[in-house]
Amino acid sequence: MKRNNVEKSRRLRENQTDSERKLWSILRNRQLYGVKFRRQFPFGRYIIDFYSPEHKFGIEADGGQHYDAKSVTQDEARTKTLAKYGIRIMRFSDSDVLNDIEGVYDVIRRELERDIAPSP
């Protein structure tokens, strides 16, 4: 798939929200099981906040604007479209990231363990 929005992605990386900055602090430099994450990764017409191409796993930090009815519908459609390409998306509210980063870390860690754990 063609990567659009490259310039927009760069601008978003330069202007991270507080929750994105905090989430990036636990994902960067392969700190979580050696998994490489990219910030503001363009994929088709979308930009994924944090994405591991190796695991086809995306993480979104959602601000308050994501919780009105129209945005919820748009986010659901976006998640379904990305799923057609095998990409799983996890969503966390900015509030959860800022106030419970340990809990967010544990949820992400458990999800990645499913990919990394050897099959019996």
PDB file of N, CA and C in Angstrom:
ATOM      1  N   MET A   1       0.842  -1.178   0.000  1.00  0.00           N
ATOM      2  CA  MET A   1       0.000   0.000   0.000  1.00  0.00           C
ATOM      3  C   MET A   1       0.887   1.241   0.000  1.00  0.00           C
ATOM      4  N   LYS A   2       0.494   2.215  -0.791  1.00  0.00           N
ATOM      5  CA  LYS A   2       1.248   3.458  -0.882  1.00  0.00           C
ATOM      6  C   LYS A   2       1.150   4.234   0.435  1.00  0.00           C
ATOM      7  N   ARG A   3       2.289   4.779   0.838  1.00  0.00           N
ATOM      8  CA  ARG A   3       2.304   5.561   2.071  1.00  0.00           C
ATOM      9  C   ARG A   3       2.065   7.026   1.749  1.00  0.00           C
ATOM     10  N   ASN A   4       0.886   7.498   2.099  1.00  0.00           N
ATOM     11  CA  ASN A   4       0.544   8.899   1.946  1.00  0.00           C
ATOM     12  C   ASN A   4       0.815   9.596   3.277  1.00  0.00           C
ATOM     13  N   ASN A   5       0.613  10.873   3.306  1.00  0.00           N
ATOM     14  CA  ASN A   5       0.686  11.635   4.561  1.00  0.00           C
ATOM     15  C   ASN A   5       2.052  11.637   5.231  1.00  0.00           C
ATOM     16  N   VAL A   6       3.113  11.444   4.479  1.00  0.00           N
ATOM     17  CA  VAL A   6       4.452  11.396   5.082  1.00  0.00           C
ATOM     18  C   VAL A   6       4.796  12.731   5.741  1.00  0.00           C
ATOM     19  N   GLU A   7       4.516  13.823   5.067  1.00  0.00           N
ATOM     20  CA  GLU A   7       4.817  15.142   5.642  1.00  0.00           C
ATOM     21  C   GLU A   7       3.965  15.413   6.880  1.00  0.00           C
ATOM     22  N   LYS A   8       2.707  15.040   6.810  1.00  0.00           N
ATOM     23  CA  LYS A   8       1.828  15.217   7.975  1.00  0.00           C
ATOM     24  C   LYS A   8       2.332  14.386   9.147  1.00  0.00           C
ATOM     25  N   SER A   9       2.797  13.178   8.873  1.00  0.00           N
ATOM     26  CA  SER A   9       3.355  12.315   9.920  1.00  0.00           C
ATOM     27  C   SER A   9       4.548  12.976  10.593  1.00  0.00           C
ATOM     28  N   ARG A  10       5.406  13.590   9.799  1.00  0.00           N
ATOM     29  CA  ARG A  10       6.572  14.276  10.356  1.00  0.00           C
ATOM     30  C   ARG A  10       6.148  15.407  11.280  1.00  0.00           C
ATOM     31  N   ARG A  11       5.161  16.169  10.837  1.00  0.00           N
ATOM     32  CA  ARG A  11       4.671  17.269  11.683  1.00  0.00           C
ATOM     33  C   ARG A  11       4.080  16.741  12.986  1.00  0.00           C
ATOM     34  N   LEU A  12       3.332  15.649  12.915  1.00  0.00           N
ATOM     35  CA  LEU A  12       2.746  15.066  14.127  1.00  0.00           C
ATOM     36  C   LEU A  12       3.827  14.569  15.083  1.00  0.00           C
ATOM     37  N   ARG A  13       4.906  14.006  14.548  1.00  0.00           N
ATOM     38  CA  ARG A  13       6.012  13.560  15.406  1.00  0.00           C
ATOM     39  C   ARG A  13       6.665  14.737  16.121  1.00  0.00           C
ATOM     40  N   GLU A  14       6.739  15.861  15.426  1.00  0.00           N
ATOM     41  CA  GLU A  14       7.347  17.055  16.014  1.00  0.00           C
ATOM     42  C   GLU A  14       6.448  17.703  17.063  1.00  0.00           C
ATOM     43  N   ASN A  15       5.160  17.448  17.003  1.00  0.00           N
ATOM     44  CA  ASN A  15       4.190  18.096  17.892  1.00  0.00           C
ATOM     45  C   ASN A  15       3.360  17.069  18.653  1.00  0.00           C
ATOM     46  N   GLN A  16       4.030  16.178  19.358  1.00  0.00           N
ATOM     47  CA  GLN A  16       3.336  15.129  20.096  1.00  0.00           C
ATOM     48  C   GLN A  16       2.494  15.706  21.233  1.00  0.00           C
ATOM     49  N   THR A  17       1.401  15.024  21.528  1.00  0.00           N
ATOM     50  CA  THR A  17       0.616  15.369  22.704  1.00  0.00           C
ATOM     51  C   THR A  17       1.339  14.809  23.929  1.00  0.00           C
ATOM     52  N   ASP A  18       0.915  15.233  25.106  1.00  0.00           N
ATOM     53  CA  ASP A  18       1.525  14.721  26.339  1.00  0.00           C
ATOM     54  C   ASP A  18       1.351  13.208  26.450  1.00  0.00           C
ATOM     55  N   SER A  19       0.163  12.716  26.094  1.00  0.00           N
ATOM     56  CA  SER A  19      -0.064  11.268  26.204  1.00  0.00           C
ATOM     57  C   SER A  19       0.780  10.501  25.188  1.00  0.00           C
ATOM     58  N   GLU A  20       0.944  11.035  23.976  1.00  0.00           N
ATOM     59  CA  GLU A  20       1.793  10.367  22.988  1.00  0.00           C
ATOM     60  C   GLU A  20       3.240  10.342  23.457  1.00  0.00           C
ATOM     61  N   ARG A  21       3.687  11.431  24.034  1.00  0.00           N
ATOM     62  CA  ARG A  21       5.064  11.498  24.553  1.00  0.00           C
ATOM     63  C   ARG A  21       5.275  10.445  25.648  1.00  0.00           C
ATOM     64  N   LYS A  22       4.298  10.334  26.539  1.00  0.00           N
ATOM     65  CA  LYS A  22       4.415   9.369  27.635  1.00  0.00           C
ATOM     66  C   LYS A  22       4.372   7.933  27.114  1.00  0.00           C
ATOM     67  N   LEU A  23       3.489   7.666  26.187  1.00  0.00           N
ATOM     68  CA  LEU A  23       3.396   6.326  25.604  1.00  0.00           C
ATOM     69  C   LEU A  23       4.671   5.984  24.840  1.00  0.00           C
ATOM     70  N   TRP A  24       5.210   6.935  24.105  1.00  0.00           N
ATOM     71  CA  TRP A  24       6.447   6.721  23.362  1.00  0.00           C
ATOM     72  C   TRP A  24       7.595   6.391  24.307  1.00  0.00           C
ATOM     73  N   SER A  25       7.572   6.945  25.500  1.00  0.00           N
ATOM     74  CA  SER A  25       8.659   6.690  26.459  1.00  0.00           C
ATOM     75  C   SER A  25       8.745   5.219  26.861  1.00  0.00           C
ATOM     76  N   ILE A  26       7.646   4.473  26.742  1.00  0.00           N
ATOM     77  CA  ILE A  26       7.694   3.042  27.088  1.00  0.00           C
ATOM     78  C   ILE A  26       7.820   2.150  25.859  1.00  0.00           C
ATOM     79  N   LEU A  27       7.635   2.724  24.658  1.00  0.00           N
ATOM     80  CA  LEU A  27       7.684   1.922  23.430  1.00  0.00           C
ATOM     81  C   LEU A  27       8.986   2.092  22.655  1.00  0.00           C
ATOM     82  N   ARG A  28       9.654   3.201  22.829  1.00  0.00           N
ATOM     83  CA  ARG A  28      10.826   3.510  22.006  1.00  0.00           C
ATOM     84  C   ARG A  28      12.015   2.615  22.338  1.00  0.00           C
ATOM     85  N   ASN A  29      12.938   2.565  21.432  1.00  0.00           N
ATOM     86  CA  ASN A  29      14.194   1.823  21.607  1.00  0.00           C
ATOM     87  C   ASN A  29      14.002   0.346  21.937  1.00  0.00           C
ATOM     88  N   ARG A  30      12.948  -0.236  21.399  1.00  0.00           N
ATOM     89  CA  ARG A  30      12.710  -1.680  21.567  1.00  0.00           C
ATOM     90  C   ARG A  30      12.664  -2.109  23.034  1.00  0.00           C
ATOM     91  N   GLN A  31      12.126  -1.241  23.891  1.00  0.00           N
ATOM     92  CA  GLN A  31      12.079  -1.522  25.329  1.00  0.00           C
ATOM     93  C   GLN A  31      11.111  -2.638  25.702  1.00  0.00           C
ATOM     94  N   LEU A  32      10.159  -2.909  24.848  1.00  0.00           N
ATOM     95  CA  LEU A  32       9.125  -3.888  25.154  1.00  0.00           C
ATOM     96  C   LEU A  32       9.351  -5.127  24.300  1.00  0.00           C
ATOM     97  N   TYR A  33       9.979  -6.130  24.872  1.00  0.00           N
ATOM     98  CA  TYR A  33      10.265  -7.399  24.189  1.00  0.00           C
ATOM     99  C   TYR A  33      11.083  -7.232  22.910  1.00  0.00           C
ATOM    100  N   GLY A  34      11.803  -6.150  22.804  1.00  0.00           N
ATOM    101  CA  GLY A  34      12.608  -5.927  21.616  1.00  0.00           C
ATOM    102  C   GLY A  34      11.803  -5.548  20.380  1.00  0.00           C
ATOM    103  N   VAL A  35      10.531  -5.229  20.566  1.00  0.00           N
ATOM    104  CA  VAL A  35       9.655  -4.894  19.444  1.00  0.00           C
ATOM    105  C   VAL A  35       9.918  -3.454  18.996  1.00  0.00           C
ATOM    106  N   LYS A  36      10.110  -3.293  17.703  1.00  0.00           N
ATOM    107  CA  LYS A  36      10.341  -1.979  17.103  1.00  0.00           C
ATOM    108  C   LYS A  36       9.003  -1.315  16.816  1.00  0.00           C
ATOM    109  N   PHE A  37       8.811  -0.123  17.390  1.00  0.00           N
ATOM    110  CA  PHE A  37       7.638   0.689  17.107  1.00  0.00           C
ATOM    111  C   PHE A  37       8.059   1.929  16.354  1.00  0.00           C
ATOM    112  N   ARG A  38       7.202   2.397  15.479  1.00  0.00           N
ATOM    113  CA  ARG A  38       7.394   3.636  14.742  1.00  0.00           C
ATOM    114  C   ARG A  38       6.308   4.597  15.188  1.00  0.00           C
ATOM    115  N   ARG A  39       6.638   5.882  15.247  1.00  0.00           N
ATOM    116  CA  ARG A  39       5.659   6.901  15.633  1.00  0.00           C
ATOM    117  C   ARG A  39       4.999   7.499  14.404  1.00  0.00           C
ATOM    118  N   GLN A  40       3.714   7.788  14.542  1.00  0.00           N
ATOM    119  CA  GLN A  40       2.955   8.475  13.497  1.00  0.00           C
ATOM    120  C   GLN A  40       3.247   7.860  12.124  1.00  0.00           C
ATOM    121  N   PHE A  41       2.965   6.589  12.028  1.00  0.00           N
ATOM    122  CA  PHE A  41       3.280   5.806  10.840  1.00  0.00           C
ATOM    123  C   PHE A  41       2.167   5.936   9.797  1.00  0.00           C
ATOM    124  N   PRO A  42       2.484   6.463   8.608  1.00  0.00           N
ATOM    125  CA  PRO A  42       1.453   6.575   7.575  1.00  0.00           C
ATOM    126  C   PRO A  42       1.170   5.216   6.939  1.00  0.00           C
ATOM    127  N   PHE A  43      -0.103   4.891   6.838  1.00  0.00           N
ATOM    128  CA  PHE A  43      -0.526   3.647   6.202  1.00  0.00           C
ATOM    129  C   PHE A  43      -1.760   3.976   5.372  1.00  0.00           C
ATOM    130  N   GLY A  44      -1.593   4.016   4.066  1.00  0.00           N
ATOM    131  CA  GLY A  44      -2.699   4.415   3.202  1.00  0.00           C
ATOM    132  C   GLY A  44      -3.124   5.823   3.550  1.00  0.00           C
ATOM    133  N   ARG A  45      -4.414   6.005   3.753  1.00  0.00           N
ATOM    134  CA  ARG A  45      -4.906   7.342   4.093  1.00  0.00           C
ATOM    135  C   ARG A  45      -4.899   7.617   5.591  1.00  0.00           C
ATOM    136  N   TYR A  46      -4.422   6.673   6.361  1.00  0.00           N
ATOM    137  CA  TYR A  46      -4.415   6.798   7.812  1.00  0.00           C
ATOM    138  C   TYR A  46      -3.002   7.040   8.347  1.00  0.00           C
ATOM    139  N   ILE A  47      -2.963   7.539   9.576  1.00  0.00           N
ATOM    140  CA  ILE A  47      -1.704   7.658  10.310  1.00  0.00           C
ATOM    141  C   ILE A  47      -1.920   6.962  11.642  1.00  0.00           C
ATOM    142  N   ILE A  48      -1.104   5.962  11.905  1.00  0.00           N
ATOM    143  CA  ILE A  48      -1.207   5.181  13.139  1.00  0.00           C
ATOM    144  C   ILE A  48      -0.243   5.786  14.154  1.00  0.00           C
ATOM    145  N   ASP A  49      -0.740   6.101  15.357  1.00  0.00           N
ATOM    146  CA  ASP A  49       0.103   6.766  16.361  1.00  0.00           C
ATOM    147  C   ASP A  49       1.403   5.999  16.605  1.00  0.00           C
ATOM    148  N   PHE A  50       1.290   4.713  16.907  1.00  0.00           N
ATOM    149  CA  PHE A  50       2.462   3.862  17.142  1.00  0.00           C
ATOM    150  C   PHE A  50       2.219   2.538  16.431  1.00  0.00           C
ATOM    151  N   TYR A  51       3.209   2.095  15.680  1.00  0.00           N
ATOM    152  CA  TYR A  51       2.989   0.914  14.848  1.00  0.00           C
ATOM    153  C   TYR A  51       4.235   0.052  14.798  1.00  0.00           C
ATOM    154  N   SER A  52       4.023  -1.262  14.945  1.00  0.00           N
ATOM    155  CA  SER A  52       5.079  -2.240  14.773  1.00  0.00           C
ATOM    156  C   SER A  52       4.800  -2.999  13.478  1.00  0.00           C
ATOM    157  N   PRO A  53       5.548  -2.674  12.405  1.00  0.00           N
ATOM    158  CA  PRO A  53       5.323  -3.377  11.131  1.00  0.00           C
ATOM    159  C   PRO A  53       5.557  -4.881  11.246  1.00  0.00           C
ATOM    160  N   GLU A  54       6.531  -5.282  12.040  1.00  0.00           N
ATOM    161  CA  GLU A  54       6.851  -6.695  12.203  1.00  0.00           C
ATOM    162  C   GLU A  54       5.665  -7.484  12.759  1.00  0.00           C
ATOM    163  N   HIS A  55       4.937  -6.879  13.671  1.00  0.00           N
ATOM    164  CA  HIS A  55       3.813  -7.567  14.321  1.00  0.00           C
ATOM    165  C   HIS A  55       2.453  -7.098  13.817  1.00  0.00           C
ATOM    166  N   LYS A  56       2.455  -6.140  12.881  1.00  0.00           N
ATOM    167  CA  LYS A  56       1.212  -5.566  12.370  1.00  0.00           C
ATOM    168  C   LYS A  56       0.293  -5.165  13.526  1.00  0.00           C
ATOM    169  N   PHE A  57       0.869  -4.380  14.411  1.00  0.00           N
ATOM    170  CA  PHE A  57       0.211  -4.015  15.657  1.00  0.00           C
ATOM    171  C   PHE A  57       0.297  -2.510  15.846  1.00  0.00           C
ATOM    172  N   GLY A  58      -0.855  -1.866  15.958  1.00  0.00           N
ATOM    173  CA  GLY A  58      -0.897  -0.423  16.142  1.00  0.00           C
ATOM    174  C   GLY A  58      -1.508  -0.041  17.470  1.00  0.00           C
ATOM    175  N   ILE A  59      -1.065   1.095  17.980  1.00  0.00           N
ATOM    176  CA  ILE A  59      -1.563   1.620  19.246  1.00  0.00           C
ATOM    177  C   ILE A  59      -1.966   3.066  19.018  1.00  0.00           C
ATOM    178  N   GLU A  60      -3.155   3.407  19.488  1.00  0.00           N
ATOM    179  CA  GLU A  60      -3.678   4.762  19.358  1.00  0.00           C
ATOM    180  C   GLU A  60      -3.893   5.363  20.741  1.00  0.00           C
ATOM    181  N   ALA A  61      -3.465   6.604  20.904  1.00  0.00           N
ATOM    182  CA  ALA A  61      -3.742   7.391  22.106  1.00  0.00           C
ATOM    183  C   ALA A  61      -4.824   8.388  21.716  1.00  0.00           C
ATOM    184  N   ASP A  62      -6.034   8.185  22.208  1.00  0.00           N
ATOM    185  CA  ASP A  62      -7.185   8.962  21.773  1.00  0.00           C
ATOM    186  C   ASP A  62      -7.534  10.074  22.751  1.00  0.00           C
ATOM    187  N   GLY A  63      -7.566  11.286  22.234  1.00  0.00           N
ATOM    188  CA  GLY A  63      -8.015  12.435  23.014  1.00  0.00           C
ATOM    189  C   GLY A  63      -9.529  12.501  23.044  1.00  0.00           C
ATOM    190  N   GLY A  64     -10.040  13.485  23.741  1.00  0.00           N
ATOM    191  CA  GLY A  64     -11.482  13.631  23.926  1.00  0.00           C
ATOM    192  C   GLY A  64     -12.276  13.727  22.643  1.00  0.00           C
ATOM    193  N   GLN A  65     -11.660  14.235  21.576  1.00  0.00           N
ATOM    194  CA  GLN A  65     -12.370  14.384  20.302  1.00  0.00           C
ATOM    195  C   GLN A  65     -12.760  13.042  19.696  1.00  0.00           C
ATOM    196  N   HIS A  66     -12.209  11.947  20.196  1.00  0.00           N
ATOM    197  CA  HIS A  66     -12.512  10.616  19.654  1.00  0.00           C
ATOM    198  C   HIS A  66     -13.763   9.990  20.262  1.00  0.00           C
ATOM    199  N   TYR A  67     -14.423  10.681  21.176  1.00  0.00           N
ATOM    200  CA  TYR A  67     -15.502  10.041  21.911  1.00  0.00           C
ATOM    201  C   TYR A  67     -16.895  10.569  21.589  1.00  0.00           C
ATOM    202  N   ASP A  68     -17.017  11.455  20.593  1.00  0.00           N
ATOM    203  CA  ASP A  68     -18.369  11.809  20.167  1.00  0.00           C
ATOM    204  C   ASP A  68     -18.831  10.737  19.176  1.00  0.00           C
ATOM    205  N   ALA A  69     -20.122  10.685  18.931  1.00  0.00           N
ATOM    206  CA  ALA A  69     -20.700   9.593  18.127  1.00  0.00           C
ATOM    207  C   ALA A  69     -20.074   9.492  16.741  1.00  0.00           C
ATOM    208  N   LYS A  70     -19.869  10.616  16.076  1.00  0.00           N
ATOM    209  CA  LYS A  70     -19.307  10.595  14.725  1.00  0.00           C
ATOM    210  C   LYS A  70     -17.883  10.041  14.730  1.00  0.00           C
ATOM    211  N   SER A  71     -17.073  10.472  15.687  1.00  0.00           N
ATOM    212  CA  SER A  71     -15.684  10.012  15.759  1.00  0.00           C
ATOM    213  C   SER A  71     -15.590   8.537  16.117  1.00  0.00           C
ATOM    214  N   VAL A  72     -16.464   8.078  16.995  1.00  0.00           N
ATOM    215  CA  VAL A  72     -16.469   6.652  17.350  1.00  0.00           C
ATOM    216  C   VAL A  72     -16.750   5.823  16.109  1.00  0.00           C
ATOM    217  N   THR A  73     -17.725   6.257  15.313  1.00  0.00           N
ATOM    218  CA  THR A  73     -18.064   5.543  14.076  1.00  0.00           C
ATOM    219  C   THR A  73     -16.884   5.562  13.105  1.00  0.00           C
ATOM    220  N   GLN A  74     -16.235   6.715  12.963  1.00  0.00           N
ATOM    221  CA  GLN A  74     -15.082   6.826  12.067  1.00  0.00           C
ATOM    222  C   GLN A  74     -13.928   5.939  12.546  1.00  0.00           C
ATOM    223  N   ASP A  75     -13.676   5.927  13.852  1.00  0.00           N
ATOM    224  CA  ASP A  75     -12.594   5.094  14.390  1.00  0.00           C
ATOM    225  C   ASP A  75     -12.880   3.608  14.192  1.00  0.00           C
ATOM    226  N   GLU A  76     -14.142   3.216  14.356  1.00  0.00           N
ATOM    227  CA  GLU A  76     -14.505   1.816  14.123  1.00  0.00           C
ATOM    228  C   GLU A  76     -14.272   1.431  12.665  1.00  0.00           C
ATOM    229  N   ALA A  77     -14.659   2.304  11.746  1.00  0.00           N
ATOM    230  CA  ALA A  77     -14.454   2.036  10.316  1.00  0.00           C
ATOM    231  C   ALA A  77     -12.968   1.958   9.998  1.00  0.00           C
ATOM    232  N   ARG A  78     -12.197   2.836  10.591  1.00  0.00           N
ATOM    233  CA  ARG A  78     -10.732   2.857  10.390  1.00  0.00           C
ATOM    234  C   ARG A  78     -10.106   1.554  10.886  1.00  0.00           C
ATOM    235  N   THR A  79     -10.522   1.128  12.075  1.00  0.00           N
ATOM    236  CA  THR A  79     -10.001  -0.115  12.645  1.00  0.00           C
ATOM    237  C   THR A  79     -10.351  -1.310  11.758  1.00  0.00           C
ATOM    238  N   LYS A  80     -11.568  -1.340  11.231  1.00  0.00           N
ATOM    239  CA  LYS A  80     -11.987  -2.433  10.342  1.00  0.00           C
ATOM    240  C   LYS A  80     -11.190  -2.421   9.046  1.00  0.00           C
ATOM    241  N   THR A  81     -10.955  -1.232   8.500  1.00  0.00           N
ATOM    242  CA  THR A  81     -10.167  -1.133   7.271  1.00  0.00           C
ATOM    243  C   THR A  81      -8.746  -1.629   7.509  1.00  0.00           C
ATOM    244  N   LEU A  82      -8.142  -1.211   8.581  1.00  0.00           N
ATOM    245  CA  LEU A  82      -6.776  -1.662   8.888  1.00  0.00           C
ATOM    246  C   LEU A  82      -6.739  -3.170   9.143  1.00  0.00           C
ATOM    247  N   ALA A  83      -7.800  -3.701   9.743  1.00  0.00           N
ATOM    248  CA  ALA A  83      -7.866  -5.145   9.993  1.00  0.00           C
ATOM    249  C   ALA A  83      -7.848  -5.940   8.689  1.00  0.00           C
ATOM    250  N   LYS A  84      -8.381  -5.361   7.610  1.00  0.00           N
ATOM    251  CA  LYS A  84      -8.348  -6.033   6.311  1.00  0.00           C
ATOM    252  C   LYS A  84      -6.912  -6.252   5.832  1.00  0.00           C
ATOM    253  N   TYR A  85      -5.996  -5.451   6.346  1.00  0.00           N
ATOM    254  CA  TYR A  85      -4.572  -5.595   6.022  1.00  0.00           C
ATOM    255  C   TYR A  85      -3.827  -6.363   7.111  1.00  0.00           C
ATOM    256  N   GLY A  86      -4.583  -6.948   8.037  1.00  0.00           N
ATOM    257  CA  GLY A  86      -3.979  -7.745   9.097  1.00  0.00           C
ATOM    258  C   GLY A  86      -3.444  -6.931  10.263  1.00  0.00           C
ATOM    259  N   ILE A  87      -3.805  -5.660  10.332  1.00  0.00           N
ATOM    260  CA  ILE A  87      -3.299  -4.791  11.397  1.00  0.00           C
ATOM    261  C   ILE A  87      -4.295  -4.751  12.551  1.00  0.00           C
ATOM    262  N   ARG A  88      -3.801  -5.084  13.736  1.00  0.00           N
ATOM    263  CA  ARG A  88      -4.601  -4.986  14.963  1.00  0.00           C
ATOM    264  C   ARG A  88      -4.353  -3.616  15.588  1.00  0.00           C
ATOM    265  N   ILE A  89      -5.402  -3.001  16.072  1.00  0.00           N
ATOM    266  CA  ILE A  89      -5.292  -1.692  16.708  1.00  0.00           C
ATOM    267  C   ILE A  89      -5.791  -1.784  18.145  1.00  0.00           C
ATOM    268  N   MET A  90      -4.997  -1.240  19.056  1.00  0.00           N
ATOM    269  CA  MET A  90      -5.424  -1.071  20.450  1.00  0.00           C
ATOM    270  C   MET A  90      -5.588   0.421  20.683  1.00  0.00           C
ATOM    271  N   ARG A  91      -6.636   0.774  21.400  1.00  0.00           N
ATOM    272  CA  ARG A  91      -6.900   2.184  21.698  1.00  0.00           C
ATOM    273  C   ARG A  91      -6.879   2.417  23.201  1.00  0.00           C
ATOM    274  N   PHE A  92      -6.261   3.528  23.560  1.00  0.00           N
ATOM    275  CA  PHE A  92      -6.225   3.963  24.955  1.00  0.00           C
ATOM    276  C   PHE A  92      -6.619   5.431  24.994  1.00  0.00           C
ATOM    277  N   SER A  93      -7.350   5.809  26.014  1.00  0.00           N
ATOM    278  CA  SER A  93      -7.678   7.225  26.162  1.00  0.00           C
ATOM    279  C   SER A  93      -6.441   7.964  26.657  1.00  0.00           C
ATOM    280  N   ASP A  94      -6.365   9.239  26.320  1.00  0.00           N
ATOM    281  CA  ASP A  94      -5.268  10.058  26.834  1.00  0.00           C
ATOM    282  C   ASP A  94      -5.232   9.999  28.354  1.00  0.00           C
ATOM    283  N   SER A  95      -6.402  10.008  28.960  1.00  0.00           N
ATOM    284  CA  SER A  95      -6.495   9.960  30.419  1.00  0.00           C
ATOM    285  C   SER A  95      -5.845   8.694  30.980  1.00  0.00           C
ATOM    286  N   ASP A  96      -6.126   7.539  30.362  1.00  0.00           N
ATOM    287  CA  ASP A  96      -5.514   6.286  30.823  1.00  0.00           C
ATOM    288  C   ASP A  96      -3.995   6.336  30.693  1.00  0.00           C
ATOM    289  N   VAL A  97      -3.514   6.855  29.573  1.00  0.00           N
ATOM    290  CA  VAL A  97      -2.069   6.932  29.355  1.00  0.00           C
ATOM    291  C   VAL A  97      -1.421   7.845  30.389  1.00  0.00           C
ATOM    292  N   LEU A  98      -2.032   9.000  30.619  1.00  0.00           N
ATOM    293  CA  LEU A  98      -1.436   9.976  31.531  1.00  0.00           C
ATOM    294  C   LEU A  98      -1.550   9.581  32.998  1.00  0.00           C
ATOM    295  N   ASN A  99      -2.634   8.861  33.351  1.00  0.00           N
ATOM    296  CA  ASN A  99      -2.875   8.557  34.760  1.00  0.00           C
ATOM    297  C   ASN A  99      -2.593   7.123  35.167  1.00  0.00           C
ATOM    298  N   ASP A 100      -2.420   6.224  34.198  1.00  0.00           N
ATOM    299  CA  ASP A 100      -2.179   4.816  34.521  1.00  0.00           C
ATOM    300  C   ASP A 100      -1.274   4.173  33.473  1.00  0.00           C
ATOM    301  N   ILE A 101      -0.109   4.736  33.275  1.00  0.00           N
ATOM    302  CA  ILE A 101       0.797   4.222  32.248  1.00  0.00           C
ATOM    303  C   ILE A 101       1.214   2.779  32.549  1.00  0.00           C
ATOM    304  N   GLU A 102       1.285   2.415  33.831  1.00  0.00           N
ATOM    305  CA  GLU A 102       1.643   1.036  34.176  1.00  0.00           C
ATOM    306  C   GLU A 102       0.573   0.060  33.698  1.00  0.00           C
ATOM    307  N   GLY A 103      -0.695   0.427  33.873  1.00  0.00           N
ATOM    308  CA  GLY A 103      -1.793  -0.416  33.407  1.00  0.00           C
ATOM    309  C   GLY A 103      -1.801  -0.526  31.887  1.00  0.00           C
ATOM    310  N   VAL A 104      -1.563   0.581  31.214  1.00  0.00           N
ATOM    311  CA  VAL A 104      -1.488   0.584  29.752  1.00  0.00           C
ATOM    312  C   VAL A 104      -0.347  -0.308  29.298  1.00  0.00           C
ATOM    313  N   TYR A 105       0.802  -0.167  29.949  1.00  0.00           N
ATOM    314  CA  TYR A 105       1.976  -0.990  29.632  1.00  0.00           C
ATOM    315  C   TYR A 105       1.629  -2.478  29.761  1.00  0.00           C
ATOM    316  N   ASP A 106       0.947  -2.849  30.843  1.00  0.00           N
ATOM    317  CA  ASP A 106       0.599  -4.258  31.063  1.00  0.00           C
ATOM    318  C   ASP A 106      -0.326  -4.796  29.973  1.00  0.00           C
ATOM    319  N   VAL A 107      -1.294  -3.996  29.547  1.00  0.00           N
ATOM    320  CA  VAL A 107      -2.215  -4.428  28.493  1.00  0.00           C
ATOM    321  C   VAL A 107      -1.451  -4.634  27.180  1.00  0.00           C
ATOM    322  N   ILE A 108      -0.576  -3.707  26.844  1.00  0.00           N
ATOM    323  CA  ILE A 108       0.225  -3.825  25.615  1.00  0.00           C
ATOM    324  C   ILE A 108       1.150  -5.031  25.712  1.00  0.00           C
ATOM    325  N   ARG A 109       1.782  -5.197  26.860  1.00  0.00           N
ATOM    326  CA  ARG A 109       2.707  -6.318  27.072  1.00  0.00           C
ATOM    327  C   ARG A 109       1.988  -7.653  26.875  1.00  0.00           C
ATOM    328  N   ARG A 110       0.801  -7.797  27.452  1.00  0.00           N
ATOM    329  CA  ARG A 110       0.045  -9.050  27.308  1.00  0.00           C
ATOM    330  C   ARG A 110      -0.332  -9.309  25.848  1.00  0.00           C
ATOM    331  N   GLU A 111      -0.699  -8.262  25.138  1.00  0.00           N
ATOM    332  CA  GLU A 111      -1.050  -8.415  23.718  1.00  0.00           C
ATOM    333  C   GLU A 111       0.164  -8.868  22.910  1.00  0.00           C
ATOM    334  N   LEU A 112       1.308  -8.272  23.178  1.00  0.00           N
ATOM    335  CA  LEU A 112       2.528  -8.660  22.451  1.00  0.00           C
ATOM    336  C   LEU A 112       2.985 -10.067  22.814  1.00  0.00           C
ATOM    337  N   GLU A 113       2.755 -10.476  24.037  1.00  0.00           N
ATOM    338  CA  GLU A 113       3.142 -11.838  24.449  1.00  0.00           C
ATOM    339  C   GLU A 113       2.465 -12.885  23.581  1.00  0.00           C
ATOM    340  N   ARG A 114       1.254 -12.590  23.135  1.00  0.00           N
ATOM    341  CA  ARG A 114       0.555 -13.544  22.260  1.00  0.00           C
ATOM    342  C   ARG A 114       1.307 -13.747  20.959  1.00  0.00           C
ATOM    343  N   ASP A 115       1.950 -12.708  20.452  1.00  0.00           N
ATOM    344  CA  ASP A 115       2.718 -12.791  19.211  1.00  0.00           C
ATOM    345  C   ASP A 115       4.090 -13.405  19.426  1.00  0.00           C
ATOM    346  N   ILE A 116       4.684 -13.111  20.555  1.00  0.00           N
ATOM    347  CA  ILE A 116       6.082 -13.464  20.786  1.00  0.00           C
ATOM    348  C   ILE A 116       6.245 -14.841  21.405  1.00  0.00           C
ATOM    349  N   ALA A 117       5.276 -15.257  22.221  1.00  0.00           N
ATOM    350  CA  ALA A 117       5.385 -16.533  22.909  1.00  0.00           C
ATOM    351  C   ALA A 117       5.462 -17.683  21.899  1.00  0.00           C
ATOM    352  N   PRO A 118       6.377 -18.610  22.114  1.00  0.00           N
ATOM    353  CA  PRO A 118       6.485 -19.759  21.205  1.00  0.00           C
ATOM    354  C   PRO A 118       5.226 -20.624  21.257  1.00  0.00           C
ATOM    355  N   SER A 119       4.845 -21.159  20.120  1.00  0.00           N
ATOM    356  CA  SER A 119       3.697 -22.060  20.063  1.00  0.00           C
ATOM    357  C   SER A 119       4.053 -23.400  20.684  1.00  0.00           C
ATOM    358  N   PRO A 120       3.119 -24.004  21.420  1.00  0.00           N
ATOM    359  CA  PRO A 120       3.409 -25.313  22.030  1.00  0.00           C
ATOM    360  C   PRO A 120       3.481 -26.422  21.014  1.00  0.00           C
TER     361      PRO A 120
END
